[in-house]
Amino acid sequence: MQYKWLDEYLLSKVGATKDFKEEWQWHRYLIGGKMFGAICKNKVGEPIVTVKCDPLFGESLRNQYADVNEGYYMNKVHWNSVNLESDVPETVIKLMVDQSYQLVFNALSKKMQREIAAE
């Protein structure tokens, strides 16, 4: 994987797992079986990461950075994609990953949250 730093960061989250969705060519990052991130390519072959964001935060990032766009093949309100070959700072991408993980984790059942937290 070309973006090893991002792969490692996504997998550093407690309980995070990874799979490869071959038919989409997506590396998916999951918590409790729910996706919180994906590294893939957009329709023109550019590498992107797609993560879930609070709608207002996502809109703010899209207004601030030309290479943050509505989620590729995802719900356009809640998901955002970042071109990994852009000038979007690594710190911003990590902040987006952190928020995505937390949003998906918080949507899991309390039982599953406790199981993951105990890992």
PDB file of N, CA and C in Angstrom:
ATOM      1  N   MET A   1       0.838  -1.182   0.000  1.00  0.00           N
ATOM      2  CA  MET A   1       0.000   0.000   0.000  1.00  0.00           C
ATOM      3  C   MET A   1       0.882   1.244   0.000  1.00  0.00           C
ATOM      4  N   GLN A   2       0.562   2.180  -0.880  1.00  0.00           N
ATOM      5  CA  GLN A   2       1.360   3.392  -1.052  1.00  0.00           C
ATOM      6  C   GLN A   2       1.248   4.337   0.146  1.00  0.00           C
ATOM      7  N   TYR A   3       0.121   4.378   0.784  1.00  0.00           N
ATOM      8  CA  TYR A   3      -0.101   5.321   1.883  1.00  0.00           C
ATOM      9  C   TYR A   3      -0.037   4.585   3.216  1.00  0.00           C
ATOM     10  N   LYS A   4       1.154   4.049   3.493  1.00  0.00           N
ATOM     11  CA  LYS A   4       1.351   3.225   4.683  1.00  0.00           C
ATOM     12  C   LYS A   4       1.028   3.996   5.966  1.00  0.00           C
ATOM     13  N   TRP A   5       1.408   5.277   6.027  1.00  0.00           N
ATOM     14  CA  TRP A   5       1.146   6.074   7.229  1.00  0.00           C
ATOM     15  C   TRP A   5      -0.346   6.118   7.528  1.00  0.00           C
ATOM     16  N   LEU A   6      -1.167   6.217   6.478  1.00  0.00           N
ATOM     17  CA  LEU A   6      -2.609   6.310   6.667  1.00  0.00           C
ATOM     18  C   LEU A   6      -3.193   4.948   7.040  1.00  0.00           C
ATOM     19  N   ASP A   7      -2.726   3.907   6.376  1.00  0.00           N
ATOM     20  CA  ASP A   7      -3.146   2.545   6.705  1.00  0.00           C
ATOM     21  C   ASP A   7      -2.850   2.260   8.180  1.00  0.00           C
ATOM     22  N   GLU A   8      -1.648   2.588   8.617  1.00  0.00           N
ATOM     23  CA  GLU A   8      -1.266   2.353  10.010  1.00  0.00           C
ATOM     24  C   GLU A   8      -2.108   3.190  10.969  1.00  0.00           C
ATOM     25  N   TYR A   9      -2.400   4.420  10.588  1.00  0.00           N
ATOM     26  CA  TYR A   9      -3.198   5.283  11.459  1.00  0.00           C
ATOM     27  C   TYR A   9      -4.626   4.749  11.590  1.00  0.00           C
ATOM     28  N   LEU A  10      -5.217   4.357  10.488  1.00  0.00           N
ATOM     29  CA  LEU A  10      -6.572   3.795  10.524  1.00  0.00           C
ATOM     30  C   LEU A  10      -6.611   2.535  11.390  1.00  0.00           C
ATOM     31  N   LEU A  11      -5.604   1.680  11.240  1.00  0.00           N
ATOM     32  CA  LEU A  11      -5.566   0.428  11.998  1.00  0.00           C
ATOM     33  C   LEU A  11      -5.159   0.618  13.456  1.00  0.00           C
ATOM     34  N   SER A  12      -4.647   1.797  13.805  1.00  0.00           N
ATOM     35  CA  SER A  12      -4.246   2.048  15.193  1.00  0.00           C
ATOM     36  C   SER A  12      -5.448   2.290  16.103  1.00  0.00           C
ATOM     37  N   LYS A  13      -6.606   2.489  15.531  1.00  0.00           N
ATOM     38  CA  LYS A  13      -7.809   2.735  16.325  1.00  0.00           C
ATOM     39  C   LYS A  13      -8.232   1.440  17.023  1.00  0.00           C
ATOM     40  N   VAL A  14      -8.639   1.556  18.276  1.00  0.00           N
ATOM     41  CA  VAL A  14      -9.014   0.386  19.072  1.00  0.00           C
ATOM     42  C   VAL A  14     -10.113  -0.402  18.368  1.00  0.00           C
ATOM     43  N   GLY A  15      -9.863  -1.690  18.158  1.00  0.00           N
ATOM     44  CA  GLY A  15     -10.855  -2.575  17.544  1.00  0.00           C
ATOM     45  C   GLY A  15     -10.945  -2.491  16.037  1.00  0.00           C
ATOM     46  N   ALA A  16     -10.108  -1.664  15.408  1.00  0.00           N
ATOM     47  CA  ALA A  16     -10.180  -1.500  13.949  1.00  0.00           C
ATOM     48  C   ALA A  16      -9.695  -2.755  13.234  1.00  0.00           C
ATOM     49  N   THR A  17     -10.397  -3.100  12.171  1.00  0.00           N
ATOM     50  CA  THR A  17     -10.003  -4.200  11.295  1.00  0.00           C
ATOM     51  C   THR A  17     -10.016  -3.684   9.862  1.00  0.00           C
ATOM     52  N   LYS A  18      -9.461  -4.484   8.982  1.00  0.00           N
ATOM     53  CA  LYS A  18      -9.348  -4.076   7.581  1.00  0.00           C
ATOM     54  C   LYS A  18      -9.745  -5.246   6.703  1.00  0.00           C
ATOM     55  N   ASP A  19     -10.428  -4.944   5.606  1.00  0.00           N
ATOM     56  CA  ASP A  19     -10.671  -5.955   4.586  1.00  0.00           C
ATOM     57  C   ASP A  19     -10.482  -5.309   3.219  1.00  0.00           C
ATOM     58  N   PHE A  20     -10.529  -6.135   2.195  1.00  0.00           N
ATOM     59  CA  PHE A  20     -10.378  -5.637   0.832  1.00  0.00           C
ATOM     60  C   PHE A  20     -11.602  -6.057   0.053  1.00  0.00           C
ATOM     61  N   LYS A  21     -12.362  -5.098  -0.407  1.00  0.00           N
ATOM     62  CA  LYS A  21     -13.571  -5.348  -1.198  1.00  0.00           C
ATOM     63  C   LYS A  21     -13.128  -5.405  -2.656  1.00  0.00           C
ATOM     64  N   GLU A  22     -12.886  -6.624  -3.133  1.00  0.00           N
ATOM     65  CA  GLU A  22     -12.264  -6.814  -4.445  1.00  0.00           C
ATOM     66  C   GLU A  22     -13.064  -6.202  -5.585  1.00  0.00           C
ATOM     67  N   GLU A  23     -14.390  -6.367  -5.565  1.00  0.00           N
ATOM     68  CA  GLU A  23     -15.191  -5.850  -6.675  1.00  0.00           C
ATOM     69  C   GLU A  23     -15.145  -4.324  -6.767  1.00  0.00           C
ATOM     70  N   TRP A  24     -14.818  -3.655  -5.666  1.00  0.00           N
ATOM     71  CA  TRP A  24     -14.694  -2.192  -5.672  1.00  0.00           C
ATOM     72  C   TRP A  24     -13.246  -1.735  -5.682  1.00  0.00           C
ATOM     73  N   GLN A  25     -12.328  -2.662  -5.371  1.00  0.00           N
ATOM     74  CA  GLN A  25     -10.909  -2.330  -5.198  1.00  0.00           C
ATOM     75  C   GLN A  25     -10.720  -1.330  -4.048  1.00  0.00           C
ATOM     76  N   TRP A  26     -11.453  -1.560  -2.972  1.00  0.00           N
ATOM     77  CA  TRP A  26     -11.407  -0.693  -1.792  1.00  0.00           C
ATOM     78  C   TRP A  26     -10.755  -1.419  -0.629  1.00  0.00           C
ATOM     79  N   HIS A  27      -9.836  -0.748   0.062  1.00  0.00           N
ATOM     80  CA  HIS A  27      -9.340  -1.195   1.362  1.00  0.00           C
ATOM     81  C   HIS A  27     -10.267  -0.535   2.377  1.00  0.00           C
ATOM     82  N   ARG A  28     -11.057  -1.361   3.069  1.00  0.00           N
ATOM     83  CA  ARG A  28     -12.048  -0.821   4.006  1.00  0.00           C
ATOM     84  C   ARG A  28     -11.566  -1.010   5.442  1.00  0.00           C
ATOM     85  N   TYR A  29     -11.841  -0.023   6.266  1.00  0.00           N
ATOM     86  CA  TYR A  29     -11.463  -0.047   7.676  1.00  0.00           C
ATOM     87  C   TYR A  29     -12.750  -0.033   8.485  1.00  0.00           C
ATOM     88  N   LEU A  30     -12.855  -1.016   9.390  1.00  0.00           N
ATOM     89  CA  LEU A  30     -14.117  -1.258  10.075  1.00  0.00           C
ATOM     90  C   LEU A  30     -13.945  -1.256  11.588  1.00  0.00           C
ATOM     91  N   ILE A  31     -15.018  -0.897  12.262  1.00  0.00           N
ATOM     92  CA  ILE A  31     -15.111  -1.015  13.712  1.00  0.00           C
ATOM     93  C   ILE A  31     -16.459  -1.672  13.992  1.00  0.00           C
ATOM     94  N   GLY A  32     -16.434  -2.807  14.672  1.00  0.00           N
ATOM     95  CA  GLY A  32     -17.679  -3.520  14.946  1.00  0.00           C
ATOM     96  C   GLY A  32     -18.425  -3.913  13.684  1.00  0.00           C
ATOM     97  N   GLY A  33     -17.694  -4.175  12.609  1.00  0.00           N
ATOM     98  CA  GLY A  33     -18.299  -4.569  11.341  1.00  0.00           C
ATOM     99  C   GLY A  33     -18.826  -3.415  10.503  1.00  0.00           C
ATOM    100  N   LYS A  34     -18.682  -2.186  10.981  1.00  0.00           N
ATOM    101  CA  LYS A  34     -19.159  -0.995  10.259  1.00  0.00           C
ATOM    102  C   LYS A  34     -17.964  -0.205   9.731  1.00  0.00           C
ATOM    103  N   MET A  35     -18.059   0.236   8.492  1.00  0.00           N
ATOM    104  CA  MET A  35     -16.962   0.965   7.875  1.00  0.00           C
ATOM    105  C   MET A  35     -16.841   2.377   8.438  1.00  0.00           C
ATOM    106  N   PHE A  36     -15.601   2.752   8.773  1.00  0.00           N
ATOM    107  CA  PHE A  36     -15.341   4.140   9.167  1.00  0.00           C
ATOM    108  C   PHE A  36     -14.334   4.803   8.233  1.00  0.00           C
ATOM    109  N   GLY A  37     -13.778   4.046   7.300  1.00  0.00           N
ATOM    110  CA  GLY A  37     -12.851   4.626   6.339  1.00  0.00           C
ATOM    111  C   GLY A  37     -12.578   3.676   5.194  1.00  0.00           C
ATOM    112  N   ALA A  38     -12.127   4.240   4.080  1.00  0.00           N
ATOM    113  CA  ALA A  38     -11.762   3.432   2.913  1.00  0.00           C
ATOM    114  C   ALA A  38     -10.679   4.160   2.129  1.00  0.00           C
ATOM    115  N   ILE A  39      -9.708   3.390   1.667  1.00  0.00           N
ATOM    116  CA  ILE A  39      -8.702   3.919   0.748  1.00  0.00           C
ATOM    117  C   ILE A  39      -8.956   3.244  -0.589  1.00  0.00           C
ATOM    118  N   CYS A  40      -9.124   4.059  -1.621  1.00  0.00           N
ATOM    119  CA  CYS A  40      -9.445   3.535  -2.945  1.00  0.00           C
ATOM    120  C   CYS A  40      -9.023   4.559  -3.992  1.00  0.00           C
ATOM    121  N   LYS A  41      -9.523   4.404  -5.193  1.00  0.00           N
ATOM    122  CA  LYS A  41      -9.259   5.379  -6.256  1.00  0.00           C
ATOM    123  C   LYS A  41     -10.591   5.905  -6.770  1.00  0.00           C
ATOM    124  N   ASN A  42     -10.588   7.180  -7.153  1.00  0.00           N
ATOM    125  CA  ASN A  42     -11.806   7.756  -7.714  1.00  0.00           C
ATOM    126  C   ASN A  42     -11.915   7.404  -9.194  1.00  0.00           C
ATOM    127  N   LYS A  43     -12.912   7.944  -9.871  1.00  0.00           N
ATOM    128  CA  LYS A  43     -13.175   7.555 -11.258  1.00  0.00           C
ATOM    129  C   LYS A  43     -12.055   7.915 -12.219  1.00  0.00           C
ATOM    130  N   VAL A  44     -11.182   8.849 -11.846  1.00  0.00           N
ATOM    131  CA  VAL A  44     -10.055   9.198 -12.723  1.00  0.00           C
ATOM    132  C   VAL A  44      -8.748   8.574 -12.238  1.00  0.00           C
ATOM    133  N   GLY A  45      -8.851   7.667 -11.269  1.00  0.00           N
ATOM    134  CA  GLY A  45      -7.689   6.911 -10.818  1.00  0.00           C
ATOM    135  C   GLY A  45      -6.834   7.568  -9.750  1.00  0.00           C
ATOM    136  N   GLU A  46      -7.321   8.666  -9.159  1.00  0.00           N
ATOM    137  CA  GLU A  46      -6.567   9.328  -8.094  1.00  0.00           C
ATOM    138  C   GLU A  46      -6.824   8.613  -6.767  1.00  0.00           C
ATOM    139  N   PRO A  47      -5.787   8.428  -5.949  1.00  0.00           N
ATOM    140  CA  PRO A  47      -5.985   7.783  -4.649  1.00  0.00           C
ATOM    141  C   PRO A  47      -6.729   8.715  -3.698  1.00  0.00           C
ATOM    142  N   ILE A  48      -7.714   8.159  -3.016  1.00  0.00           N
ATOM    143  CA  ILE A  48      -8.509   8.940  -2.067  1.00  0.00           C
ATOM    144  C   ILE A  48      -8.723   8.143  -0.784  1.00  0.00           C
ATOM    145  N   VAL A  49      -9.010   8.867   0.276  1.00  0.00           N
ATOM    146  CA  VAL A  49      -9.513   8.259   1.499  1.00  0.00           C
ATOM    147  C   VAL A  49     -10.911   8.825   1.700  1.00  0.00           C
ATOM    148  N   THR A  50     -11.832   7.952   2.075  1.00  0.00           N
ATOM    149  CA  THR A  50     -13.216   8.351   2.325  1.00  0.00           C
ATOM    150  C   THR A  50     -13.536   8.062   3.781  1.00  0.00           C
ATOM    151  N   VAL A  51     -14.052   9.081   4.480  1.00  0.00           N
ATOM    152  CA  VAL A  51     -14.375   8.954   5.899  1.00  0.00           C
ATOM    153  C   VAL A  51     -15.700   9.649   6.201  1.00  0.00           C
ATOM    154  N   LYS A  52     -16.290   9.247   7.311  1.00  0.00           N
ATOM    155  CA  LYS A  52     -17.548   9.850   7.754  1.00  0.00           C
ATOM    156  C   LYS A  52     -17.234  11.113   8.550  1.00  0.00           C
ATOM    157  N   CYS A  53     -18.034  12.157   8.345  1.00  0.00           N
ATOM    158  CA  CYS A  53     -17.841  13.420   9.079  1.00  0.00           C
ATOM    159  C   CYS A  53     -19.185  13.977   9.510  1.00  0.00           C
ATOM    160  N   ASP A  54     -19.163  14.743  10.572  1.00  0.00           N
ATOM    161  CA  ASP A  54     -20.318  15.546  10.925  1.00  0.00           C
ATOM    162  C   ASP A  54     -20.629  16.427   9.716  1.00  0.00           C
ATOM    163  N   PRO A  55     -21.895  16.538   9.307  1.00  0.00           N
ATOM    164  CA  PRO A  55     -22.215  17.300   8.094  1.00  0.00           C
ATOM    165  C   PRO A  55     -21.654  18.724   8.056  1.00  0.00           C
ATOM    166  N   LEU A  56     -21.720  19.449   9.161  1.00  0.00           N
ATOM    167  CA  LEU A  56     -21.205  20.825   9.163  1.00  0.00           C
ATOM    168  C   LEU A  56     -19.683  20.856   9.065  1.00  0.00           C
ATOM    169  N   PHE A  57     -19.021  19.924   9.749  1.00  0.00           N
ATOM    170  CA  PHE A  57     -17.560  19.829   9.677  1.00  0.00           C
ATOM    171  C   PHE A  57     -17.128  19.477   8.258  1.00  0.00           C
ATOM    172  N   GLY A  58     -17.813  18.513   7.649  1.00  0.00           N
ATOM    173  CA  GLY A  58     -17.499  18.120   6.276  1.00  0.00           C
ATOM    174  C   GLY A  58     -17.678  19.269   5.302  1.00  0.00           C
ATOM    175  N   GLU A  59     -18.772  20.001   5.452  1.00  0.00           N
ATOM    176  CA  GLU A  59     -19.016  21.144   4.571  1.00  0.00           C
ATOM    177  C   GLU A  59     -17.930  22.208   4.746  1.00  0.00           C
ATOM    178  N   SER A  60     -17.540  22.443   5.977  1.00  0.00           N
ATOM    179  CA  SER A  60     -16.480  23.414   6.258  1.00  0.00           C
ATOM    180  C   SER A  60     -15.169  23.001   5.585  1.00  0.00           C
ATOM    181  N   LEU A  61     -14.831  21.718   5.668  1.00  0.00           N
ATOM    182  CA  LEU A  61     -13.600  21.230   5.032  1.00  0.00           C
ATOM    183  C   LEU A  61     -13.678  21.338   3.512  1.00  0.00           C
ATOM    184  N   ARG A  62     -14.843  21.035   2.950  1.00  0.00           N
ATOM    185  CA  ARG A  62     -15.001  21.146   1.490  1.00  0.00           C
ATOM    186  C   ARG A  62     -14.854  22.598   1.034  1.00  0.00           C
ATOM    187  N   ASN A  63     -15.302  23.538   1.865  1.00  0.00           N
ATOM    188  CA  ASN A  63     -15.152  24.957   1.540  1.00  0.00           C
ATOM    189  C   ASN A  63     -13.704  25.423   1.683  1.00  0.00           C
ATOM    190  N   GLN A  64     -12.976  24.796   2.589  1.00  0.00           N
ATOM    191  CA  GLN A  64     -11.598  25.204   2.868  1.00  0.00           C
ATOM    192  C   GLN A  64     -10.581  24.571   1.919  1.00  0.00           C
ATOM    193  N   TYR A  65     -10.819  23.320   1.506  1.00  0.00           N
ATOM    194  CA  TYR A  65      -9.855  22.582   0.684  1.00  0.00           C
ATOM    195  C   TYR A  65     -10.514  22.102  -0.604  1.00  0.00           C
ATOM    196  N   ALA A  66      -9.928  22.442  -1.723  1.00  0.00           N
ATOM    197  CA  ALA A  66     -10.463  22.034  -3.032  1.00  0.00           C
ATOM    198  C   ALA A  66     -10.453  20.520  -3.205  1.00  0.00           C
ATOM    199  N   ASP A  67      -9.546  19.826  -2.513  1.00  0.00           N
ATOM    200  CA  ASP A  67      -9.423  18.381  -2.683  1.00  0.00           C
ATOM    201  C   ASP A  67     -10.147  17.573  -1.612  1.00  0.00           C
ATOM    202  N   VAL A  68     -11.031  18.206  -0.865  1.00  0.00           N
ATOM    203  CA  VAL A  68     -11.973  17.495   0.000  1.00  0.00           C
ATOM    204  C   VAL A  68     -13.318  17.601  -0.700  1.00  0.00           C
ATOM    205  N   ASN A  69     -13.883  16.452  -1.035  1.00  0.00           N
ATOM    206  CA  ASN A  69     -15.126  16.409  -1.807  1.00  0.00           C
ATOM    207  C   ASN A  69     -16.157  15.533  -1.118  1.00  0.00           C
ATOM    208  N   GLU A  70     -17.387  15.631  -1.603  1.00  0.00           N
ATOM    209  CA  GLU A  70     -18.440  14.742  -1.100  1.00  0.00           C
ATOM    210  C   GLU A  70     -17.988  13.302  -1.294  1.00  0.00           C
ATOM    211  N   GLY A  71     -18.403  12.428  -0.394  1.00  0.00           N
ATOM    212  CA  GLY A  71     -17.962  11.041  -0.399  1.00  0.00           C
ATOM    213  C   GLY A  71     -18.170  10.333  -1.726  1.00  0.00           C
ATOM    214  N   TYR A  72     -17.117   9.692  -2.189  1.00  0.00           N
ATOM    215  CA  TYR A  72     -17.141   8.947  -3.447  1.00  0.00           C
ATOM    216  C   TYR A  72     -17.967   7.679  -3.257  1.00  0.00           C
ATOM    217  N   TYR A  73     -19.062   7.564  -3.998  1.00  0.00           N
ATOM    218  CA  TYR A  73     -19.998   6.435  -3.907  1.00  0.00           C
ATOM    219  C   TYR A  73     -20.570   6.245  -2.504  1.00  0.00           C
ATOM    220  N   MET A  74     -20.694   7.324  -1.756  1.00  0.00           N
ATOM    221  CA  MET A  74     -21.220   7.244  -0.397  1.00  0.00           C
ATOM    222  C   MET A  74     -22.277   8.338  -0.221  1.00  0.00           C
ATOM    223  N   ASN A  75     -22.940   8.337   0.929  1.00  0.00           N
ATOM    224  CA  ASN A  75     -23.898   9.384   1.259  1.00  0.00           C
ATOM    225  C   ASN A  75     -23.169  10.727   1.243  1.00  0.00           C
ATOM    226  N   LYS A  76     -23.636  11.635   0.417  1.00  0.00           N
ATOM    227  CA  LYS A  76     -22.937  12.906   0.189  1.00  0.00           C
ATOM    228  C   LYS A  76     -23.032  13.871   1.373  1.00  0.00           C
ATOM    229  N   VAL A  77     -23.938  13.625   2.301  1.00  0.00           N
ATOM    230  CA  VAL A  77     -24.080  14.495   3.463  1.00  0.00           C
ATOM    231  C   VAL A  77     -23.087  14.103   4.556  1.00  0.00           C
ATOM    232  N   HIS A  78     -22.920  12.805   4.764  1.00  0.00           N
ATOM    233  CA  HIS A  78     -22.149  12.314   5.908  1.00  0.00           C
ATOM    234  C   HIS A  78     -20.735  11.848   5.583  1.00  0.00           C
ATOM    235  N   TRP A  79     -20.425  11.634   4.319  1.00  0.00           N
ATOM    236  CA  TRP A  79     -19.110  11.090   3.950  1.00  0.00           C
ATOM    237  C   TRP A  79     -18.363  12.069   3.058  1.00  0.00           C
ATOM    238  N   ASN A  80     -17.051  12.119   3.251  1.00  0.00           N
ATOM    239  CA  ASN A  80     -16.185  13.007   2.476  1.00  0.00           C
ATOM    240  C   ASN A  80     -14.976  12.230   1.988  1.00  0.00           C
ATOM    241  N   SER A  81     -14.500  12.583   0.814  1.00  0.00           N
ATOM    242  CA  SER A  81     -13.314  11.958   0.233  1.00  0.00           C
ATOM    243  C   SER A  81     -12.227  13.011   0.072  1.00  0.00           C
ATOM    244  N   VAL A  82     -10.983  12.604   0.347  1.00  0.00           N
ATOM    245  CA  VAL A  82      -9.834  13.494   0.234  1.00  0.00           C
ATOM    246  C   VAL A  82      -8.858  12.897  -0.766  1.00  0.00           C
ATOM    247  N   ASN A  83      -8.458  13.698  -1.742  1.00  0.00           N
ATOM    248  CA  ASN A  83      -7.428  13.282  -2.691  1.00  0.00           C
ATOM    249  C   ASN A  83      -6.116  13.198  -1.923  1.00  0.00           C
ATOM    250  N   LEU A  84      -5.502  12.009  -1.912  1.00  0.00           N
ATOM    251  CA  LEU A  84      -4.282  11.808  -1.140  1.00  0.00           C
ATOM    252  C   LEU A  84      -3.046  12.400  -1.802  1.00  0.00           C
ATOM    253  N   GLU A  85      -3.185  12.872  -3.028  1.00  0.00           N
ATOM    254  CA  GLU A  85      -2.063  13.517  -3.716  1.00  0.00           C
ATOM    255  C   GLU A  85      -2.217  15.039  -3.705  1.00  0.00           C
ATOM    256  N   SER A  86      -2.987  15.533  -2.768  1.00  0.00           N
ATOM    257  CA  SER A  86      -3.271  16.967  -2.689  1.00  0.00           C
ATOM    258  C   SER A  86      -2.451  17.603  -1.574  1.00  0.00           C
ATOM    259  N   ASP A  87      -2.721  18.875  -1.343  1.00  0.00           N
ATOM    260  CA  ASP A  87      -2.019  19.591  -0.280  1.00  0.00           C
ATOM    261  C   ASP A  87      -2.826  19.645   1.019  1.00  0.00           C
ATOM    262  N   VAL A  88      -3.851  18.802   1.145  1.00  0.00           N
ATOM    263  CA  VAL A  88      -4.587  18.731   2.409  1.00  0.00           C
ATOM    264  C   VAL A  88      -3.613  18.179   3.451  1.00  0.00           C
ATOM    265  N   PRO A  89      -3.383  18.907   4.544  1.00  0.00           N
ATOM    266  CA  PRO A  89      -2.391  18.472   5.527  1.00  0.00           C
ATOM    267  C   PRO A  89      -2.730  17.114   6.151  1.00  0.00           C
ATOM    268  N   GLU A  90      -1.680  16.356   6.439  1.00  0.00           N
ATOM    269  CA  GLU A  90      -1.835  15.059   7.097  1.00  0.00           C
ATOM    270  C   GLU A  90      -2.593  15.218   8.414  1.00  0.00           C
ATOM    271  N   THR A  91      -2.354  16.302   9.120  1.00  0.00           N
ATOM    272  CA  THR A  91      -3.045  16.521  10.395  1.00  0.00           C
ATOM    273  C   THR A  91      -4.555  16.652  10.202  1.00  0.00           C
ATOM    274  N   VAL A  92      -4.977  17.253   9.102  1.00  0.00           N
ATOM    275  CA  VAL A  92      -6.409  17.395   8.811  1.00  0.00           C
ATOM    276  C   VAL A  92      -7.001  16.029   8.475  1.00  0.00           C
ATOM    277  N   ILE A  93      -6.282  15.241   7.682  1.00  0.00           N
ATOM    278  CA  ILE A  93      -6.762  13.898   7.337  1.00  0.00           C
ATOM    279  C   ILE A  93      -6.888  13.056   8.602  1.00  0.00           C
ATOM    280  N   LYS A  94      -5.917  13.137   9.492  1.00  0.00           N
ATOM    281  CA  LYS A  94      -5.981  12.380  10.748  1.00  0.00           C
ATOM    282  C   LYS A  94      -7.158  12.845  11.608  1.00  0.00           C
ATOM    283  N   LEU A  95      -7.410  14.135  11.639  1.00  0.00           N
ATOM    284  CA  LEU A  95      -8.558  14.663  12.380  1.00  0.00           C
ATOM    285  C   LEU A  95      -9.861  14.106  11.806  1.00  0.00           C
ATOM    286  N   MET A  96      -9.940  14.027  10.487  1.00  0.00           N
ATOM    287  CA  MET A  96     -11.124  13.468   9.828  1.00  0.00           C
ATOM    288  C   MET A  96     -11.287  11.989  10.178  1.00  0.00           C
ATOM    289  N   VAL A  97     -10.181  11.242  10.182  1.00  0.00           N
ATOM    290  CA  VAL A  97     -10.219   9.820  10.556  1.00  0.00           C
ATOM    291  C   VAL A  97     -10.695   9.681  11.999  1.00  0.00           C
ATOM    292  N   ASP A  98     -10.150  10.505  12.889  1.00  0.00           N
ATOM    293  CA  ASP A  98     -10.549  10.443  14.300  1.00  0.00           C
ATOM    294  C   ASP A  98     -12.054  10.656  14.457  1.00  0.00           C
ATOM    295  N   GLN A  99     -12.578  11.659  13.762  1.00  0.00           N
ATOM    296  CA  GLN A  99     -14.004  11.938  13.872  1.00  0.00           C
ATOM    297  C   GLN A  99     -14.826  10.793  13.290  1.00  0.00           C
ATOM    298  N   SER A 100     -14.394  10.262  12.160  1.00  0.00           N
ATOM    299  CA  SER A 100     -15.119   9.168  11.529  1.00  0.00           C
ATOM    300  C   SER A 100     -15.197   7.963  12.461  1.00  0.00           C
ATOM    301  N   TYR A 101     -14.058   7.602  13.029  1.00  0.00           N
ATOM    302  CA  TYR A 101     -14.014   6.472  13.958  1.00  0.00           C
ATOM    303  C   TYR A 101     -14.987   6.710  15.116  1.00  0.00           C
ATOM    304  N   GLN A 102     -14.947   7.897  15.693  1.00  0.00           N
ATOM    305  CA  GLN A 102     -15.795   8.189  16.845  1.00  0.00           C
ATOM    306  C   GLN A 102     -17.276   8.166  16.478  1.00  0.00           C
ATOM    307  N   LEU A 103     -17.633   8.717  15.327  1.00  0.00           N
ATOM    308  CA  LEU A 103     -19.035   8.707  14.892  1.00  0.00           C
ATOM    309  C   LEU A 103     -19.551   7.282  14.709  1.00  0.00           C
ATOM    310  N   VAL A 104     -18.756   6.439  14.068  1.00  0.00           N
ATOM    311  CA  VAL A 104     -19.185   5.061  13.822  1.00  0.00           C
ATOM    312  C   VAL A 104     -19.198   4.275  15.134  1.00  0.00           C
ATOM    313  N   PHE A 105     -18.176   4.449  15.961  1.00  0.00           N
ATOM    314  CA  PHE A 105     -18.122   3.777  17.262  1.00  0.00           C
ATOM    315  C   PHE A 105     -19.346   4.142  18.102  1.00  0.00           C
ATOM    316  N   ASN A 106     -19.690   5.424  18.148  1.00  0.00           N
ATOM    317  CA  ASN A 106     -20.830   5.877  18.957  1.00  0.00           C
ATOM    318  C   ASN A 106     -22.161   5.331  18.457  1.00  0.00           C
ATOM    319  N   ALA A 107     -22.235   4.941  17.193  1.00  0.00           N
ATOM    320  CA  ALA A 107     -23.472   4.388  16.630  1.00  0.00           C
ATOM    321  C   ALA A 107     -23.613   2.888  16.905  1.00  0.00           C
ATOM    322  N   LEU A 108     -22.555   2.259  17.406  1.00  0.00           N
ATOM    323  CA  LEU A 108     -22.621   0.832  17.735  1.00  0.00           C
ATOM    324  C   LEU A 108     -23.437   0.637  19.009  1.00  0.00           C
ATOM    325  N   SER A 109     -23.905  -0.586  19.212  1.00  0.00           N
ATOM    326  CA  SER A 109     -24.640  -0.883  20.439  1.00  0.00           C
ATOM    327  C   SER A 109     -23.716  -0.685  21.643  1.00  0.00           C
ATOM    328  N   LYS A 110     -24.294  -0.387  22.785  1.00  0.00           N
ATOM    329  CA  LYS A 110     -23.499  -0.204  24.014  1.00  0.00           C
ATOM    330  C   LYS A 110     -22.721  -1.474  24.337  1.00  0.00           C
ATOM    331  N   LYS A 111     -23.326  -2.622  24.086  1.00  0.00           N
ATOM    332  CA  LYS A 111     -22.648  -3.893  24.342  1.00  0.00           C
ATOM    333  C   LYS A 111     -21.400  -4.010  23.467  1.00  0.00           C
ATOM    334  N   MET A 112     -21.543  -3.709  22.184  1.00  0.00           N
ATOM    335  CA  MET A 112     -20.396  -3.800  21.280  1.00  0.00           C
ATOM    336  C   MET A 112     -19.337  -2.770  21.660  1.00  0.00           C
ATOM    337  N   GLN A 113     -19.753  -1.575  22.049  1.00  0.00           N
ATOM    338  CA  GLN A 113     -18.791  -0.556  22.483  1.00  0.00           C
ATOM    339  C   GLN A 113     -17.969  -1.056  23.671  1.00  0.00           C
ATOM    340  N   ARG A 114     -18.631  -1.693  24.635  1.00  0.00           N
ATOM    341  CA  ARG A 114     -17.918  -2.223  25.808  1.00  0.00           C
ATOM    342  C   ARG A 114     -16.941  -3.314  25.399  1.00  0.00           C
ATOM    343  N   GLU A 115     -17.363  -4.198  24.485  1.00  0.00           N
ATOM    344  CA  GLU A 115     -16.486  -5.281  24.027  1.00  0.00           C
ATOM    345  C   GLU A 115     -15.244  -4.721  23.338  1.00  0.00           C
ATOM    346  N   ILE A 116     -15.433  -3.723  22.501  1.00  0.00           N
ATOM    347  CA  ILE A 116     -14.303  -3.124  21.779  1.00  0.00           C
ATOM    348  C   ILE A 116     -13.387  -2.393  22.752  1.00  0.00           C
ATOM    349  N   ALA A 117     -13.964  -1.650  23.684  1.00  0.00           N
ATOM    350  CA  ALA A 117     -13.164  -0.895  24.655  1.00  0.00           C
ATOM    351  C   ALA A 117     -12.337  -1.818  25.542  1.00  0.00           C
ATOM    352  N   ALA A 118     -12.808  -3.053  25.728  1.00  0.00           N
ATOM    353  CA  ALA A 118     -12.095  -4.012  26.573  1.00  0.00           C
ATOM    354  C   ALA A 118     -10.913  -4.663  25.855  1.00  0.00           C
ATOM    355  N   GLU A 119     -10.787  -4.452  24.552  1.00  0.00           N
ATOM    356  CA  GLU A 119      -9.696  -5.083  23.784  1.00  0.00           C
ATOM    357  C   GLU A 119      -8.349  -4.534  24.190  1.00  0.00           C
TER     358      GLU A 119
END
